[in-house]
Amino acid sequence: MTTTTQQSAIEIMKERHSVRKYTQYEMPQADLNAILEATITAPSAWNLQHWKFLVIQSEEQKQKLLPIAYNQQQVVDSSVTIAILGDLEANLNAEKVYGEVVNKGFMTPEVKDILTGQINRAYTNEQFARDAAVSNSSLAAMQLMLAAKAKGYDTVAMGGFDKEKFIKEFNIPERYVPTMLISVGKAAEKAHGTLRLPLDEVVAYETF
């Protein structure tokens, strides 16, 4: 009898390190789908799911991305690079999200109207919309990296790229703001460990 063990979420978190050197490996679509399916279960404010993902995996598109990402070699060597985009108009998702909840009997139409009203008023503030787009899409980004690790892949998140050129080259709609790029693939060499500050330097209780 064959027995298999699954790593705990905490074990995966501890084992995930940023990898910048990758082997040439064609990721099966089933693996990519599984990672993305896990990613979209991330939490989000009001459940508006403030994210969009642009998957860059063809050699042609990778080469377009390379100079935009300041020639970081992982964008061409990894299996895929996924652009995490934040939704500046996530309030437009409210009707669909809450309409389904009402249809299933989990919420009354009156409560739905109150919530959507609150959401739409909040989104009249452009800074609020931008902050929400970045913070909530970042939750999905971290979940993507953990899901990838659980499927046997390594990742590196990149904030270092020319966002204006990226938007132009890849035809990003005005609705979305680039949050980060994440390269995903099979590591060519083991990632080196990194220092983590001790808890007593990063945690405060009750107040400072």
C-alpha atoms as a PDB file:
ATOM      1  CA  MET A   1       0.000   0.000   0.000  1.00  0.00           C
ATOM      2  CA  THR A   2       1.330   3.409  -0.969  1.00  0.00           C
ATOM      3  CA  THR A   3       0.895   6.236   1.498  1.00  0.00           C
ATOM      4  CA  THR A   4       1.173   9.889   0.662  1.00  0.00           C
ATOM      5  CA  THR A   5       1.449  12.847   2.941  1.00  0.00           C
ATOM      6  CA  GLN A   6       0.417  16.391   2.290  1.00  0.00           C
ATOM      7  CA  GLN A   7       2.310  19.315   3.674  1.00  0.00           C
ATOM      8  CA  SER A   8       0.511  21.604   6.045  1.00  0.00           C
ATOM      9  CA  ALA A   9      -0.090  25.200   5.065  1.00  0.00           C
ATOM     10  CA  ILE A  10       2.485  26.325   7.626  1.00  0.00           C
ATOM     11  CA  GLU A  11       5.105  23.950   6.209  1.00  0.00           C
ATOM     12  CA  ILE A  12       4.499  25.310   2.718  1.00  0.00           C
ATOM     13  CA  MET A  13       4.847  28.877   3.993  1.00  0.00           C
ATOM     14  CA  LYS A  14       8.152  28.061   5.624  1.00  0.00           C
ATOM     15  CA  GLU A  15       9.508  26.292   2.545  1.00  0.00           C
ATOM     16  CA  ARG A  16       8.525  28.963   0.043  1.00  0.00           C
ATOM     17  CA  HIS A  17      11.478  31.144  -0.931  1.00  0.00           C
ATOM     18  CA  SER A  18      11.992  33.475  -3.862  1.00  0.00           C
ATOM     19  CA  VAL A  19      13.664  31.680  -6.780  1.00  0.00           C
ATOM     20  CA  ARG A  20      15.227  33.587  -9.672  1.00  0.00           C
ATOM     21  CA  LYS A  21      16.844  30.760 -11.644  1.00  0.00           C
ATOM     22  CA  TYR A  22      14.562  28.320 -13.448  1.00  0.00           C
ATOM     23  CA  THR A  23      14.839  25.303 -15.701  1.00  0.00           C
ATOM     24  CA  GLN A  24      12.996  25.239 -19.011  1.00  0.00           C
ATOM     25  CA  TYR A  25       9.778  23.449 -18.111  1.00  0.00           C
ATOM     26  CA  GLU A  26       6.421  23.516 -19.852  1.00  0.00           C
ATOM     27  CA  MET A  27       3.805  23.663 -17.145  1.00  0.00           C
ATOM     28  CA  PRO A  28       0.766  21.462 -17.844  1.00  0.00           C
ATOM     29  CA  GLN A  29      -2.387  23.513 -18.241  1.00  0.00           C
ATOM     30  CA  ALA A  30      -4.006  21.399 -15.519  1.00  0.00           C
ATOM     31  CA  ASP A  31      -1.380  22.565 -13.014  1.00  0.00           C
ATOM     32  CA  LEU A  32      -1.811  26.200 -14.019  1.00  0.00           C
ATOM     33  CA  ASN A  33      -5.571  25.899 -13.710  1.00  0.00           C
ATOM     34  CA  ALA A  34      -5.266  24.292 -10.281  1.00  0.00           C
ATOM     35  CA  ILE A  35      -3.005  27.105  -9.061  1.00  0.00           C
ATOM     36  CA  LEU A  36      -5.340  29.789 -10.388  1.00  0.00           C
ATOM     37  CA  GLU A  37      -8.428  28.046  -9.006  1.00  0.00           C
ATOM     38  CA  ALA A  38      -6.806  28.059  -5.561  1.00  0.00           C
ATOM     39  CA  THR A  39      -5.739  31.679  -6.016  1.00  0.00           C
ATOM     40  CA  ILE A  40      -9.263  32.985  -6.570  1.00  0.00           C
ATOM     41  CA  THR A  41     -10.399  31.610  -3.228  1.00  0.00           C
ATOM     42  CA  ALA A  42      -8.430  34.440  -1.579  1.00  0.00           C
ATOM     43  CA  PRO A  43     -10.389  36.777   0.675  1.00  0.00           C
ATOM     44  CA  SER A  44     -11.347  40.256  -0.472  1.00  0.00           C
ATOM     45  CA  ALA A  45     -13.152  43.254   0.960  1.00  0.00           C
ATOM     46  CA  TRP A  46     -16.920  42.921   0.455  1.00  0.00           C
ATOM     47  CA  ASN A  47     -16.046  39.778  -1.565  1.00  0.00           C
ATOM     48  CA  LEU A  48     -15.567  42.007  -4.606  1.00  0.00           C
ATOM     49  CA  GLN A  49     -12.588  39.935  -5.807  1.00  0.00           C
ATOM     50  CA  HIS A  50     -10.465  42.897  -6.876  1.00  0.00           C
ATOM     51  CA  TRP A  51      -8.158  41.005  -9.246  1.00  0.00           C
ATOM     52  CA  LYS A  52      -7.412  40.049 -12.802  1.00  0.00           C
ATOM     53  CA  PHE A  53      -4.561  37.804 -13.923  1.00  0.00           C
ATOM     54  CA  LEU A  54      -2.606  38.070 -17.163  1.00  0.00           C
ATOM     55  CA  VAL A  55      -0.687  34.854 -17.859  1.00  0.00           C
ATOM     56  CA  ILE A  56       2.415  35.325 -20.001  1.00  0.00           C
ATOM     57  CA  GLN A  57       3.807  32.008 -21.232  1.00  0.00           C
ATOM     58  CA  SER A  58       4.618  32.169 -24.941  1.00  0.00           C
ATOM     59  CA  GLU A  59       8.221  32.858 -25.897  1.00  0.00           C
ATOM     60  CA  GLU A  60       7.139  35.863 -27.963  1.00  0.00           C
ATOM     61  CA  GLN A  61       5.309  37.515 -25.077  1.00  0.00           C
ATOM     62  CA  LYS A  62       8.076  36.663 -22.600  1.00  0.00           C
ATOM     63  CA  GLN A  63      10.570  38.456 -24.825  1.00  0.00           C
ATOM     64  CA  LYS A  64       8.308  41.505 -24.896  1.00  0.00           C
ATOM     65  CA  LEU A  65       8.137  41.449 -21.118  1.00  0.00           C
ATOM     66  CA  LEU A  66      11.876  41.024 -20.540  1.00  0.00           C
ATOM     67  CA  PRO A  67      13.007  44.646 -21.101  1.00  0.00           C
ATOM     68  CA  ILE A  68       9.891  45.959 -19.366  1.00  0.00           C
ATOM     69  CA  ALA A  69      10.894  43.877 -16.324  1.00  0.00           C
ATOM     70  CA  TYR A  70      14.391  45.373 -16.436  1.00  0.00           C
ATOM     71  CA  ASN A  71      15.835  42.220 -17.996  1.00  0.00           C
ATOM     72  CA  GLN A  72      15.122  39.956 -15.057  1.00  0.00           C
ATOM     73  CA  GLN A  73      15.930  36.605 -16.630  1.00  0.00           C
ATOM     74  CA  GLN A  74      13.288  34.690 -14.700  1.00  0.00           C
ATOM     75  CA  VAL A  75      10.525  36.144 -16.850  1.00  0.00           C
ATOM     76  CA  VAL A  76      11.804  34.155 -19.838  1.00  0.00           C
ATOM     77  CA  ASP A  77      13.241  31.110 -18.041  1.00  0.00           C
ATOM     78  CA  SER A  78      10.254  30.324 -15.811  1.00  0.00           C
ATOM     79  CA  SER A  79       7.230  28.410 -17.057  1.00  0.00           C
ATOM     80  CA  VAL A  80       4.933  31.421 -16.797  1.00  0.00           C
ATOM     81  CA  THR A  81       4.934  34.923 -15.456  1.00  0.00           C
ATOM     82  CA  ILE A  82       1.592  36.050 -14.112  1.00  0.00           C
ATOM     83  CA  ALA A  83       0.759  39.729 -13.850  1.00  0.00           C
ATOM     84  CA  ILE A  84      -1.392  40.460 -10.826  1.00  0.00           C
ATOM     85  CA  LEU A  85      -3.735  43.314 -11.645  1.00  0.00           C
ATOM     86  CA  GLY A  86      -5.879  45.208  -9.164  1.00  0.00           C
ATOM     87  CA  ASP A  87      -9.410  46.179 -10.135  1.00  0.00           C
ATOM     88  CA  LEU A  88     -10.082  49.900  -9.764  1.00  0.00           C
ATOM     89  CA  GLU A  89     -13.766  49.324 -10.485  1.00  0.00           C
ATOM     90  CA  ALA A  90     -14.362  46.294  -8.300  1.00  0.00           C
ATOM     91  CA  ASN A  91     -17.629  47.871  -7.175  1.00  0.00           C
ATOM     92  CA  LEU A  92     -19.028  46.818 -10.552  1.00  0.00           C
ATOM     93  CA  ASN A  93     -18.750  43.209  -9.360  1.00  0.00           C
ATOM     94  CA  ALA A  94     -21.151  43.848  -6.488  1.00  0.00           C
ATOM     95  CA  GLU A  95     -24.352  43.305  -8.430  1.00  0.00           C
ATOM     96  CA  LYS A  96     -23.233  39.908  -9.689  1.00  0.00           C
ATOM     97  CA  VAL A  97     -21.711  38.781  -6.392  1.00  0.00           C
ATOM     98  CA  TYR A  98     -24.623  39.808  -4.214  1.00  0.00           C
ATOM     99  CA  GLY A  99     -27.277  38.964  -6.776  1.00  0.00           C
ATOM    100  CA  GLU A 100     -26.152  35.342  -6.622  1.00  0.00           C
ATOM    101  CA  VAL A 101     -26.225  35.432  -2.819  1.00  0.00           C
ATOM    102  CA  VAL A 102     -29.797  36.743  -2.921  1.00  0.00           C
ATOM    103  CA  ASN A 103     -30.814  34.090  -5.449  1.00  0.00           C
ATOM    104  CA  LYS A 104     -29.539  31.407  -3.096  1.00  0.00           C
ATOM    105  CA  GLY A 105     -31.532  32.841  -0.214  1.00  0.00           C
ATOM    106  CA  PHE A 106     -28.510  33.840   1.882  1.00  0.00           C
ATOM    107  CA  MET A 107     -29.328  37.550   1.788  1.00  0.00           C
ATOM    108  CA  THR A 108     -32.457  39.633   1.373  1.00  0.00           C
ATOM    109  CA  PRO A 109     -32.768  42.091  -1.525  1.00  0.00           C
ATOM    110  CA  GLU A 110     -32.987  44.890   1.041  1.00  0.00           C
ATOM    111  CA  VAL A 111     -29.618  44.017   2.582  1.00  0.00           C
ATOM    112  CA  LYS A 112     -28.122  43.701  -0.906  1.00  0.00           C
ATOM    113  CA  ASP A 113     -29.281  47.199  -1.769  1.00  0.00           C
ATOM    114  CA  ILE A 114     -27.770  48.608   1.429  1.00  0.00           C
ATOM    115  CA  LEU A 115     -24.424  46.911   0.797  1.00  0.00           C
ATOM    116  CA  THR A 116     -24.173  47.867  -2.857  1.00  0.00           C
ATOM    117  CA  GLY A 117     -25.045  51.440  -1.939  1.00  0.00           C
ATOM    118  CA  GLN A 118     -22.236  51.535   0.624  1.00  0.00           C
ATOM    119  CA  ILE A 119     -19.803  50.038  -1.874  1.00  0.00           C
ATOM    120  CA  ASN A 120     -20.654  52.438  -4.677  1.00  0.00           C
ATOM    121  CA  ARG A 121     -20.345  55.439  -2.371  1.00  0.00           C
ATOM    122  CA  ALA A 122     -16.916  54.239  -1.210  1.00  0.00           C
ATOM    123  CA  TYR A 123     -15.789  53.907  -4.821  1.00  0.00           C
ATOM    124  CA  THR A 124     -16.446  57.563  -5.566  1.00  0.00           C
ATOM    125  CA  ASN A 125     -13.096  58.094  -3.787  1.00  0.00           C
ATOM    126  CA  GLU A 126     -10.339  57.319  -6.306  1.00  0.00           C
ATOM    127  CA  GLN A 127      -7.675  56.834  -3.644  1.00  0.00           C
ATOM    128  CA  PHE A 128      -9.875  54.337  -1.826  1.00  0.00           C
ATOM    129  CA  ALA A 129     -10.410  52.417  -5.072  1.00  0.00           C
ATOM    130  CA  ARG A 130      -6.680  52.298  -5.801  1.00  0.00           C
ATOM    131  CA  ASP A 131      -5.729  51.256  -2.273  1.00  0.00           C
ATOM    132  CA  ALA A 132      -8.382  48.528  -2.318  1.00  0.00           C
ATOM    133  CA  ALA A 133      -7.232  47.291  -5.728  1.00  0.00           C
ATOM    134  CA  VAL A 134      -3.632  46.909  -4.589  1.00  0.00           C
ATOM    135  CA  SER A 135      -4.266  45.504  -1.114  1.00  0.00           C
ATOM    136  CA  ASN A 136      -6.859  42.946  -2.180  1.00  0.00           C
ATOM    137  CA  SER A 137      -5.011  41.787  -5.296  1.00  0.00           C
ATOM    138  CA  SER A 138      -1.947  41.351  -3.082  1.00  0.00           C
ATOM    139  CA  LEU A 139      -3.892  38.851  -0.991  1.00  0.00           C
ATOM    140  CA  ALA A 140      -4.502  36.855  -4.154  1.00  0.00           C
ATOM    141  CA  ALA A 141      -0.826  37.176  -5.126  1.00  0.00           C
ATOM    142  CA  MET A 142       0.369  35.596  -1.906  1.00  0.00           C
ATOM    143  CA  GLN A 143      -2.205  32.850  -2.229  1.00  0.00           C
ATOM    144  CA  LEU A 144      -0.971  32.149  -5.763  1.00  0.00           C
ATOM    145  CA  MET A 145       2.605  31.698  -4.558  1.00  0.00           C
ATOM    146  CA  LEU A 146       1.543  29.309  -1.811  1.00  0.00           C
ATOM    147  CA  ALA A 147      -0.670  27.347  -4.199  1.00  0.00           C
ATOM    148  CA  ALA A 148       2.228  27.076  -6.634  1.00  0.00           C
ATOM    149  CA  LYS A 149       4.513  25.772  -3.900  1.00  0.00           C
ATOM    150  CA  ALA A 150       1.918  23.199  -2.904  1.00  0.00           C
ATOM    151  CA  LYS A 151       1.865  21.994  -6.530  1.00  0.00           C
ATOM    152  CA  GLY A 152       5.663  21.655  -6.616  1.00  0.00           C
ATOM    153  CA  TYR A 153       6.558  24.970  -8.247  1.00  0.00           C
ATOM    154  CA  ASP A 154       8.681  27.872  -7.112  1.00  0.00           C
ATOM    155  CA  THR A 155       7.969  31.563  -7.505  1.00  0.00           C
ATOM    156  CA  VAL A 156       9.363  35.041  -7.243  1.00  0.00           C
ATOM    157  CA  ALA A 157       7.318  38.211  -6.908  1.00  0.00           C
ATOM    158  CA  MET A 158       8.563  41.299  -8.742  1.00  0.00           C
ATOM    159  CA  GLY A 159       7.618  44.894  -8.182  1.00  0.00           C
ATOM    160  CA  GLY A 160      10.498  46.069 -10.314  1.00  0.00           C
ATOM    161  CA  PHE A 161       9.060  46.677 -13.773  1.00  0.00           C
ATOM    162  CA  ASP A 162       8.002  49.656 -15.838  1.00  0.00           C
ATOM    163  CA  LYS A 163       4.295  49.774 -15.183  1.00  0.00           C
ATOM    164  CA  GLU A 164       3.510  52.373 -17.831  1.00  0.00           C
ATOM    165  CA  LYS A 165       5.281  50.386 -20.547  1.00  0.00           C
ATOM    166  CA  PHE A 166       3.667  47.188 -19.301  1.00  0.00           C
ATOM    167  CA  ILE A 167       0.206  48.721 -19.564  1.00  0.00           C
ATOM    168  CA  LYS A 168       0.900  49.918 -23.112  1.00  0.00           C
ATOM    169  CA  GLU A 169       2.617  46.773 -24.405  1.00  0.00           C
ATOM    170  CA  PHE A 170       0.050  44.344 -23.033  1.00  0.00           C
ATOM    171  CA  ASN A 171      -3.045  46.477 -23.657  1.00  0.00           C
ATOM    172  CA  ILE A 172      -4.107  46.618 -20.013  1.00  0.00           C
ATOM    173  CA  PRO A 173      -7.547  48.229 -19.721  1.00  0.00           C
ATOM    174  CA  GLU A 174      -7.802  51.427 -17.666  1.00  0.00           C
ATOM    175  CA  ARG A 175      -9.890  49.529 -15.152  1.00  0.00           C
ATOM    176  CA  TYR A 176      -6.814  47.651 -13.883  1.00  0.00           C
ATOM    177  CA  VAL A 177      -3.616  48.701 -12.127  1.00  0.00           C
ATOM    178  CA  PRO A 178      -0.523  46.444 -12.203  1.00  0.00           C
ATOM    179  CA  THR A 179       0.267  45.257  -8.678  1.00  0.00           C
ATOM    180  CA  MET A 180       3.165  42.870  -9.287  1.00  0.00           C
ATOM    181  CA  LEU A 181       4.555  40.160 -11.541  1.00  0.00           C
ATOM    182  CA  ILE A 182       5.028  36.596 -10.306  1.00  0.00           C
ATOM    183  CA  SER A 183       7.228  34.124 -12.165  1.00  0.00           C
ATOM    184  CA  VAL A 184       6.321  30.475 -11.617  1.00  0.00           C
ATOM    185  CA  GLY A 185       8.343  27.423 -12.582  1.00  0.00           C
ATOM    186  CA  LYS A 186      10.766  24.684 -11.624  1.00  0.00           C
ATOM    187  CA  ALA A 187      13.852  25.922  -9.785  1.00  0.00           C
ATOM    188  CA  ALA A 188      17.213  25.363 -11.467  1.00  0.00           C
ATOM    189  CA  GLU A 189      18.890  25.486  -8.086  1.00  0.00           C
ATOM    190  CA  LYS A 190      17.723  25.533  -4.511  1.00  0.00           C
ATOM    191  CA  ALA A 191      16.840  28.941  -3.129  1.00  0.00           C
ATOM    192  CA  HIS A 192      19.100  30.229  -0.428  1.00  0.00           C
ATOM    193  CA  GLY A 193      17.681  30.889   3.009  1.00  0.00           C
ATOM    194  CA  THR A 194      16.935  34.422   4.128  1.00  0.00           C
ATOM    195  CA  LEU A 195      17.045  36.159   7.469  1.00  0.00           C
ATOM    196  CA  ARG A 196      13.779  36.691   9.270  1.00  0.00           C
ATOM    197  CA  LEU A 197      13.652  39.193  12.079  1.00  0.00           C
ATOM    198  CA  PRO A 198      12.671  37.661  15.440  1.00  0.00           C
ATOM    199  CA  LEU A 199       9.131  38.068  16.686  1.00  0.00           C
ATOM    200  CA  ASP A 200      10.113  40.449  19.452  1.00  0.00           C
ATOM    201  CA  GLU A 201      11.278  42.910  16.793  1.00  0.00           C
ATOM    202  CA  VAL A 202       8.168  42.779  14.620  1.00  0.00           C
ATOM    203  CA  VAL A 203       5.272  42.130  17.003  1.00  0.00           C
ATOM    204  CA  ALA A 204       3.644  44.478  19.478  1.00  0.00           C
ATOM    205  CA  TYR A 205       0.713  43.619  21.707  1.00  0.00           C
ATOM    206  CA  GLU A 206      -2.207  45.927  22.510  1.00  0.00           C
ATOM    207  CA  THR A 207      -0.350  49.182  21.783  1.00  0.00           C
ATOM    208  CA  PHE A 208       3.079  50.609  21.036  1.00  0.00           C
END
